[in-house]
Amino acid sequence: MKIDRCYCFQVRFAELRRVAKATGAATVADLQAHRTFGHKCQLCHPYVRRMLRTGETCFSQIIEAADEPAAEPPDQRTP
């Protein structure tokens, strides 16, 4: 199985990576300010978070939200 895009909007993770690099977007929400993706089923969100963290744009394993949790705001992190 090859997972390489947001299926609801057909936006490839490679395109999102280019946008992230060009704009400095560091979160799903940052990227959504520049490209439309991930507003329906949101199954792509953990893949996009992994892509932002590692640079990978094509995945062969299922990634769930618990595998790539959203970053907590700095004031919410535990010391």
PDB file of N, CA and C in Angstrom:
ATOM      1  N   MET A   1       0.834  -1.166   0.000  1.00  0.00           N
ATOM      2  CA  MET A   1       0.000   0.000   0.000  1.00  0.00           C
ATOM      3  C   MET A   1       0.889   1.242   0.000  1.00  0.00           C
ATOM      4  N   LYS A   2       0.544   2.214  -0.812  1.00  0.00           N
ATOM      5  CA  LYS A   2       1.287   3.468  -0.895  1.00  0.00           C
ATOM      6  C   LYS A   2       0.363   4.602  -0.467  1.00  0.00           C
ATOM      7  N   ILE A   3       0.767   5.331   0.556  1.00  0.00           N
ATOM      8  CA  ILE A   3      -0.002   6.471   1.041  1.00  0.00           C
ATOM      9  C   ILE A   3       0.856   7.708   0.799  1.00  0.00           C
ATOM     10  N   ASP A   4       0.408   8.555  -0.132  1.00  0.00           N
ATOM     11  CA  ASP A   4       1.235   9.702  -0.508  1.00  0.00           C
ATOM     12  C   ASP A   4       0.459  10.997  -0.668  1.00  0.00           C
ATOM     13  N   ARG A   5      -0.805  11.013  -0.165  1.00  0.00           N
ATOM     14  CA  ARG A   5      -1.596  12.219  -0.373  1.00  0.00           C
ATOM     15  C   ARG A   5      -2.789  12.268   0.571  1.00  0.00           C
ATOM     16  N   CYS A   6      -3.363  13.442   0.648  1.00  0.00           N
ATOM     17  CA  CYS A   6      -4.670  13.626   1.274  1.00  0.00           C
ATOM     18  C   CYS A   6      -5.671  13.152   0.231  1.00  0.00           C
ATOM     19  N   TYR A   7      -6.374  12.082   0.534  1.00  0.00           N
ATOM     20  CA  TYR A   7      -7.275  11.502  -0.459  1.00  0.00           C
ATOM     21  C   TYR A   7      -8.536  12.321  -0.676  1.00  0.00           C
ATOM     22  N   CYS A   8      -8.999  13.027   0.329  1.00  0.00           N
ATOM     23  CA  CYS A   8     -10.210  13.836   0.161  1.00  0.00           C
ATOM     24  C   CYS A   8      -9.996  14.974  -0.842  1.00  0.00           C
ATOM     25  N   PHE A   9      -8.805  15.572  -0.819  1.00  0.00           N
ATOM     26  CA  PHE A   9      -8.517  16.722  -1.675  1.00  0.00           C
ATOM     27  C   PHE A   9      -7.458  16.418  -2.741  1.00  0.00           C
ATOM     28  N   GLN A  10      -6.922  15.175  -2.735  1.00  0.00           N
ATOM     29  CA  GLN A  10      -5.932  14.740  -3.720  1.00  0.00           C
ATOM     30  C   GLN A  10      -4.682  15.631  -3.759  1.00  0.00           C
ATOM     31  N   VAL A  11      -4.239  16.069  -2.590  1.00  0.00           N
ATOM     32  CA  VAL A  11      -3.019  16.871  -2.487  1.00  0.00           C
ATOM     33  C   VAL A  11      -1.912  15.950  -2.005  1.00  0.00           C
ATOM     34  N   ARG A  12      -0.864  15.828  -2.805  1.00  0.00           N
ATOM     35  CA  ARG A  12       0.259  14.956  -2.458  1.00  0.00           C
ATOM     36  C   ARG A  12       1.088  15.553  -1.322  1.00  0.00           C
ATOM     37  N   PHE A  13       1.604  14.661  -0.486  1.00  0.00           N
ATOM     38  CA  PHE A  13       2.449  15.106   0.619  1.00  0.00           C
ATOM     39  C   PHE A  13       3.710  15.794   0.097  1.00  0.00           C
ATOM     40  N   ALA A  14       4.203  15.387  -1.056  1.00  0.00           N
ATOM     41  CA  ALA A  14       5.376  16.045  -1.644  1.00  0.00           C
ATOM     42  C   ALA A  14       5.077  17.514  -1.933  1.00  0.00           C
ATOM     43  N   GLU A  15       3.861  17.810  -2.400  1.00  0.00           N
ATOM     44  CA  GLU A  15       3.460  19.203  -2.629  1.00  0.00           C
ATOM     45  C   GLU A  15       3.385  19.949  -1.305  1.00  0.00           C
ATOM     46  N   LEU A  16       2.827  19.312  -0.288  1.00  0.00           N
ATOM     47  CA  LEU A  16       2.746  19.957   1.020  1.00  0.00           C
ATOM     48  C   LEU A  16       4.132  20.209   1.598  1.00  0.00           C
ATOM     49  N   ARG A  17       5.048  19.319   1.326  1.00  0.00           N
ATOM     50  CA  ARG A  17       6.430  19.521   1.799  1.00  0.00           C
ATOM     51  C   ARG A  17       7.050  20.741   1.122  1.00  0.00           C
ATOM     52  N   ARG A  18       6.809  20.885  -0.187  1.00  0.00           N
ATOM     53  CA  ARG A  18       7.320  22.062  -0.903  1.00  0.00           C
ATOM     54  C   ARG A  18       6.725  23.348  -0.322  1.00  0.00           C
ATOM     55  N   VAL A  19       5.437  23.327  -0.059  1.00  0.00           N
ATOM     56  CA  VAL A  19       4.771  24.497   0.519  1.00  0.00           C
ATOM     57  C   VAL A  19       5.342  24.798   1.904  1.00  0.00           C
ATOM     58  N   ALA A  20       5.543  23.767   2.706  1.00  0.00           N
ATOM     59  CA  ALA A  20       6.099  23.954   4.047  1.00  0.00           C
ATOM     60  C   ALA A  20       7.479  24.592   3.977  1.00  0.00           C
ATOM     61  N   LYS A  21       8.297  24.114   3.076  1.00  0.00           N
ATOM     62  CA  LYS A  21       9.647  24.680   2.936  1.00  0.00           C
ATOM     63  C   LYS A  21       9.593  26.123   2.461  1.00  0.00           C
ATOM     64  N   ALA A  22       8.711  26.410   1.517  1.00  0.00           N
ATOM     65  CA  ALA A  22       8.624  27.756   0.947  1.00  0.00           C
ATOM     66  C   ALA A  22       8.044  28.776   1.924  1.00  0.00           C
ATOM     67  N   THR A  23       7.152  28.312   2.813  1.00  0.00           N
ATOM     68  CA  THR A  23       6.445  29.241   3.691  1.00  0.00           C
ATOM     69  C   THR A  23       6.894  29.185   5.145  1.00  0.00           C
ATOM     70  N   GLY A  24       7.635  28.147   5.502  1.00  0.00           N
ATOM     71  CA  GLY A  24       8.035  27.969   6.888  1.00  0.00           C
ATOM     72  C   GLY A  24       6.943  27.338   7.737  1.00  0.00           C
ATOM     73  N   ALA A  25       5.903  26.815   7.106  1.00  0.00           N
ATOM     74  CA  ALA A  25       4.811  26.164   7.835  1.00  0.00           C
ATOM     75  C   ALA A  25       5.364  24.980   8.624  1.00  0.00           C
ATOM     76  N   ALA A  26       4.969  24.892   9.892  1.00  0.00           N
ATOM     77  CA  ALA A  26       5.502  23.847  10.759  1.00  0.00           C
ATOM     78  C   ALA A  26       4.428  22.950  11.354  1.00  0.00           C
ATOM     79  N   THR A  27       3.163  23.253  11.073  1.00  0.00           N
ATOM     80  CA  THR A  27       2.057  22.450  11.602  1.00  0.00           C
ATOM     81  C   THR A  27       1.020  22.231  10.499  1.00  0.00           C
ATOM     82  N   VAL A  28       0.100  21.323  10.759  1.00  0.00           N
ATOM     83  CA  VAL A  28      -0.996  21.091   9.818  1.00  0.00           C
ATOM     84  C   VAL A  28      -1.754  22.395   9.600  1.00  0.00           C
ATOM     85  N   ALA A  29      -2.077  23.094  10.681  1.00  0.00           N
ATOM     86  CA  ALA A  29      -2.820  24.356  10.561  1.00  0.00           C
ATOM     87  C   ALA A  29      -2.046  25.387   9.754  1.00  0.00           C
ATOM     88  N   ASP A  30      -0.734  25.468   9.959  1.00  0.00           N
ATOM     89  CA  ASP A  30       0.084  26.396   9.167  1.00  0.00           C
ATOM     90  C   ASP A  30      -0.045  26.079   7.685  1.00  0.00           C
ATOM     91  N   LEU A  31       0.064  24.802   7.344  1.00  0.00           N
ATOM     92  CA  LEU A  31      -0.038  24.393   5.939  1.00  0.00           C
ATOM     93  C   LEU A  31      -1.427  24.659   5.373  1.00  0.00           C
ATOM     94  N   GLN A  32      -2.449  24.451   6.181  1.00  0.00           N
ATOM     95  CA  GLN A  32      -3.814  24.671   5.709  1.00  0.00           C
ATOM     96  C   GLN A  32      -4.074  26.138   5.391  1.00  0.00           C
ATOM     97  N   ALA A  33      -3.261  27.032   5.885  1.00  0.00           N
ATOM     98  CA  ALA A  33      -3.380  28.441   5.525  1.00  0.00           C
ATOM     99  C   ALA A  33      -2.914  28.688   4.090  1.00  0.00           C
ATOM    100  N   HIS A  34      -2.168  27.721   3.528  1.00  0.00           N
ATOM    101  CA  HIS A  34      -1.604  27.883   2.184  1.00  0.00           C
ATOM    102  C   HIS A  34      -2.183  26.916   1.163  1.00  0.00           C
ATOM    103  N   ARG A  35      -2.676  25.758   1.613  1.00  0.00           N
ATOM    104  CA  ARG A  35      -3.233  24.736   0.707  1.00  0.00           C
ATOM    105  C   ARG A  35      -4.472  24.128   1.348  1.00  0.00           C
ATOM    106  N   THR A  36      -5.430  23.771   0.527  1.00  0.00           N
ATOM    107  CA  THR A  36      -6.633  23.121   1.035  1.00  0.00           C
ATOM    108  C   THR A  36      -6.409  21.620   1.075  1.00  0.00           C
ATOM    109  N   PHE A  37      -6.441  21.061   2.272  1.00  0.00           N
ATOM    110  CA  PHE A  37      -6.312  19.619   2.490  1.00  0.00           C
ATOM    111  C   PHE A  37      -6.743  19.342   3.917  1.00  0.00           C
ATOM    112  N   GLY A  38      -7.081  18.099   4.189  1.00  0.00           N
ATOM    113  CA  GLY A  38      -7.294  17.639   5.552  1.00  0.00           C
ATOM    114  C   GLY A  38      -8.470  18.231   6.298  1.00  0.00           C
ATOM    115  N   HIS A  39      -9.446  18.782   5.597  1.00  0.00           N
ATOM    116  CA  HIS A  39     -10.596  19.369   6.278  1.00  0.00           C
ATOM    117  C   HIS A  39     -11.769  18.410   6.403  1.00  0.00           C
ATOM    118  N   LYS A  40     -11.731  17.282   5.727  1.00  0.00           N
ATOM    119  CA  LYS A  40     -12.853  16.338   5.785  1.00  0.00           C
ATOM    120  C   LYS A  40     -12.550  15.229   6.788  1.00  0.00           C
ATOM    121  N   CYS A  41     -12.048  14.100   6.348  1.00  0.00           N
ATOM    122  CA  CYS A  41     -11.861  12.949   7.241  1.00  0.00           C
ATOM    123  C   CYS A  41     -10.673  13.125   8.187  1.00  0.00           C
ATOM    124  N   GLN A  42      -9.711  13.934   7.835  1.00  0.00           N
ATOM    125  CA  GLN A  42      -8.520  14.241   8.634  1.00  0.00           C
ATOM    126  C   GLN A  42      -7.594  13.055   8.851  1.00  0.00           C
ATOM    127  N   LEU A  43      -7.778  11.983   8.096  1.00  0.00           N
ATOM    128  CA  LEU A  43      -6.881  10.833   8.226  1.00  0.00           C
ATOM    129  C   LEU A  43      -5.458  11.164   7.776  1.00  0.00           C
ATOM    130  N   CYS A  44      -5.285  12.199   6.983  1.00  0.00           N
ATOM    131  CA  CYS A  44      -3.952  12.571   6.517  1.00  0.00           C
ATOM    132  C   CYS A  44      -3.160  13.347   7.571  1.00  0.00           C
ATOM    133  N   HIS A  45      -3.803  13.875   8.589  1.00  0.00           N
ATOM    134  CA  HIS A  45      -3.109  14.712   9.560  1.00  0.00           C
ATOM    135  C   HIS A  45      -1.891  14.044  10.189  1.00  0.00           C
ATOM    136  N   PRO A  46      -1.970  12.795  10.669  1.00  0.00           N
ATOM    137  CA  PRO A  46      -0.747  12.203  11.236  1.00  0.00           C
ATOM    138  C   PRO A  46       0.351  12.005  10.195  1.00  0.00           C
ATOM    139  N   TYR A  47      -0.028  11.750   8.940  1.00  0.00           N
ATOM    140  CA  TYR A  47       0.971  11.613   7.878  1.00  0.00           C
ATOM    141  C   TYR A  47       1.645  12.959   7.616  1.00  0.00           C
ATOM    142  N   VAL A  48       0.861  14.011   7.608  1.00  0.00           N
ATOM    143  CA  VAL A  48       1.430  15.341   7.374  1.00  0.00           C
ATOM    144  C   VAL A  48       2.333  15.727   8.540  1.00  0.00           C
ATOM    145  N   ARG A  49       1.925  15.413   9.770  1.00  0.00           N
ATOM    146  CA  ARG A  49       2.801  15.701  10.905  1.00  0.00           C
ATOM    147  C   ARG A  49       4.113  14.931  10.793  1.00  0.00           C
ATOM    148  N   ARG A  50       4.039  13.658  10.384  1.00  0.00           N
ATOM    149  CA  ARG A  50       5.271  12.881  10.194  1.00  0.00           C
ATOM    150  C   ARG A  50       6.105  13.476   9.071  1.00  0.00           C
ATOM    151  N   MET A  51       5.456  13.886   7.980  1.00  0.00           N
ATOM    152  CA  MET A  51       6.165  14.509   6.857  1.00  0.00           C
ATOM    153  C   MET A  51       6.886  15.769   7.317  1.00  0.00           C
ATOM    154  N   LEU A  52       6.220  16.582   8.117  1.00  0.00           N
ATOM    155  CA  LEU A  52       6.858  17.794   8.623  1.00  0.00           C
ATOM    156  C   LEU A  52       8.033  17.477   9.532  1.00  0.00           C
ATOM    157  N   ARG A  53       7.926  16.409  10.290  1.00  0.00           N
ATOM    158  CA  ARG A  53       8.981  16.017  11.236  1.00  0.00           C
ATOM    159  C   ARG A  53      10.167  15.356  10.551  1.00  0.00           C
ATOM    160  N   THR A  54       9.903  14.497   9.542  1.00  0.00           N
ATOM    161  CA  THR A  54      10.969  13.675   8.958  1.00  0.00           C
ATOM    162  C   THR A  54      11.316  14.007   7.511  1.00  0.00           C
ATOM    163  N   GLY A  55      10.400  14.646   6.799  1.00  0.00           N
ATOM    164  CA  GLY A  55      10.617  14.899   5.376  1.00  0.00           C
ATOM    165  C   GLY A  55      10.088  13.800   4.473  1.00  0.00           C
ATOM    166  N   GLU A  56       9.630  12.690   5.054  1.00  0.00           N
ATOM    167  CA  GLU A  56       9.063  11.594   4.255  1.00  0.00           C
ATOM    168  C   GLU A  56       7.785  12.077   3.565  1.00  0.00           C
ATOM    169  N   THR A  57       7.564  11.608   2.338  1.00  0.00           N
ATOM    170  CA  THR A  57       6.349  11.998   1.618  1.00  0.00           C
ATOM    171  C   THR A  57       5.565  10.811   1.080  1.00  0.00           C
ATOM    172  N   CYS A  58       6.057   9.611   1.272  1.00  0.00           N
ATOM    173  CA  CYS A  58       5.356   8.407   0.833  1.00  0.00           C
ATOM    174  C   CYS A  58       5.496   7.360   1.937  1.00  0.00           C
ATOM    175  N   PHE A  59       4.364   6.785   2.323  1.00  0.00           N
ATOM    176  CA  PHE A  59       4.337   5.875   3.460  1.00  0.00           C
ATOM    177  C   PHE A  59       3.744   4.540   3.057  1.00  0.00           C
ATOM    178  N   SER A  60       4.234   3.470   3.658  1.00  0.00           N
ATOM    179  CA  SER A  60       3.702   2.137   3.380  1.00  0.00           C
ATOM    180  C   SER A  60       3.004   1.544   4.597  1.00  0.00           C
ATOM    181  N   GLN A  61       3.041   2.248   5.716  1.00  0.00           N
ATOM    182  CA  GLN A  61       2.396   1.764   6.933  1.00  0.00           C
ATOM    183  C   GLN A  61       1.267   2.715   7.326  1.00  0.00           C
ATOM    184  N   ILE A  62       0.321   2.184   8.079  1.00  0.00           N
ATOM    185  CA  ILE A  62      -0.767   2.990   8.607  1.00  0.00           C
ATOM    186  C   ILE A  62      -0.225   3.814   9.775  1.00  0.00           C
ATOM    187  N   ILE A  63      -0.452   5.100   9.751  1.00  0.00           N
ATOM    188  CA  ILE A  63      -0.045   5.986  10.836  1.00  0.00           C
ATOM    189  C   ILE A  63      -1.321   6.570  11.431  1.00  0.00           C
ATOM    190  N   GLU A  64      -1.460   6.438  12.730  1.00  0.00           N
ATOM    191  CA  GLU A  64      -2.632   6.959  13.420  1.00  0.00           C
ATOM    192  C   GLU A  64      -2.260   8.182  14.240  1.00  0.00           C
ATOM    193  N   ALA A  65      -3.269   8.909  14.681  1.00  0.00           N
ATOM    194  CA  ALA A  65      -3.031  10.140  15.443  1.00  0.00           C
ATOM    195  C   ALA A  65      -2.136   9.897  16.658  1.00  0.00           C
ATOM    196  N   ALA A  66      -2.284   8.768  17.329  1.00  0.00           N
ATOM    197  CA  ALA A  66      -1.458   8.471  18.508  1.00  0.00           C
ATOM    198  C   ALA A  66       0.014   8.277  18.139  1.00  0.00           C
ATOM    199  N   ASP A  67       0.285   7.894  16.878  1.00  0.00           N
ATOM    200  CA  ASP A  67       1.661   7.703  16.423  1.00  0.00           C
ATOM    201  C   ASP A  67       2.365   9.031  16.171  1.00  0.00           C
ATOM    202  N   GLU A  68       1.605  10.041  15.773  1.00  0.00           N
ATOM    203  CA  GLU A  68       2.132  11.371  15.470  1.00  0.00           C
ATOM    204  C   GLU A  68       1.205  12.412  16.080  1.00  0.00           C
ATOM    205  N   PRO A  69       1.217  12.545  17.407  1.00  0.00           N
ATOM    206  CA  PRO A  69       0.298  13.500  18.039  1.00  0.00           C
ATOM    207  C   PRO A  69       0.650  14.937  17.675  1.00  0.00           C
ATOM    208  N   ALA A  70      -0.365  15.771  17.711  1.00  0.00           N
ATOM    209  CA  ALA A  70      -0.140  17.198  17.468  1.00  0.00           C
ATOM    210  C   ALA A  70       0.727  17.749  18.590  1.00  0.00           C
ATOM    211  N   ALA A  71       1.591  18.682  18.250  1.00  0.00           N
ATOM    212  CA  ALA A  71       2.456  19.291  19.259  1.00  0.00           C
ATOM    213  C   ALA A  71       1.612  20.127  20.206  1.00  0.00           C
ATOM    214  N   GLU A  72       1.961  20.076  21.477  1.00  0.00           N
ATOM    215  CA  GLU A  72       1.280  20.898  22.463  1.00  0.00           C
ATOM    216  C   GLU A  72       1.819  22.316  22.387  1.00  0.00           C
ATOM    217  N   PRO A  73       0.983  23.313  22.646  1.00  0.00           N
ATOM    218  CA  PRO A  73       1.502  24.682  22.718  1.00  0.00           C
ATOM    219  C   PRO A  73       2.586  24.760  23.794  1.00  0.00           C
ATOM    220  N   PRO A  74       3.592  25.606  23.630  1.00  0.00           N
ATOM    221  CA  PRO A  74       4.707  25.667  24.593  1.00  0.00           C
ATOM    222  C   PRO A  74       4.259  25.844  26.032  1.00  0.00           C
ATOM    223  N   ASP A  75       3.208  26.596  26.307  1.00  0.00           N
ATOM    224  CA  ASP A  75       2.796  26.827  27.673  1.00  0.00           C
ATOM    225  C   ASP A  75       2.039  25.650  28.283  1.00  0.00           C
ATOM    226  N   GLN A  76       1.738  24.617  27.478  1.00  0.00           N
ATOM    227  CA  GLN A  76       1.012  23.434  27.958  1.00  0.00           C
ATOM    228  C   GLN A  76       1.934  22.244  28.202  1.00  0.00           C
ATOM    229  N   ARG A  77       3.198  22.332  27.816  1.00  0.00           N
ATOM    230  CA  ARG A  77       4.127  21.219  27.979  1.00  0.00           C
ATOM    231  C   ARG A  77       4.498  21.036  29.438  1.00  0.00           C
ATOM    232  N   THR A  78       4.675  19.790  29.805  1.00  0.00           N
ATOM    233  CA  THR A  78       5.110  19.513  31.180  1.00  0.00           C
ATOM    234  C   THR A  78       6.630  19.554  31.229  1.00  0.00           C
ATOM    235  N   PRO A  79       7.200  20.071  32.325  1.00  0.00           N
ATOM    236  CA  PRO A  79       8.675  20.179  32.416  1.00  0.00           C
ATOM    237  C   PRO A  79       9.347  18.854  32.525  1.00  0.00           C
TER     238      PRO A  79
END
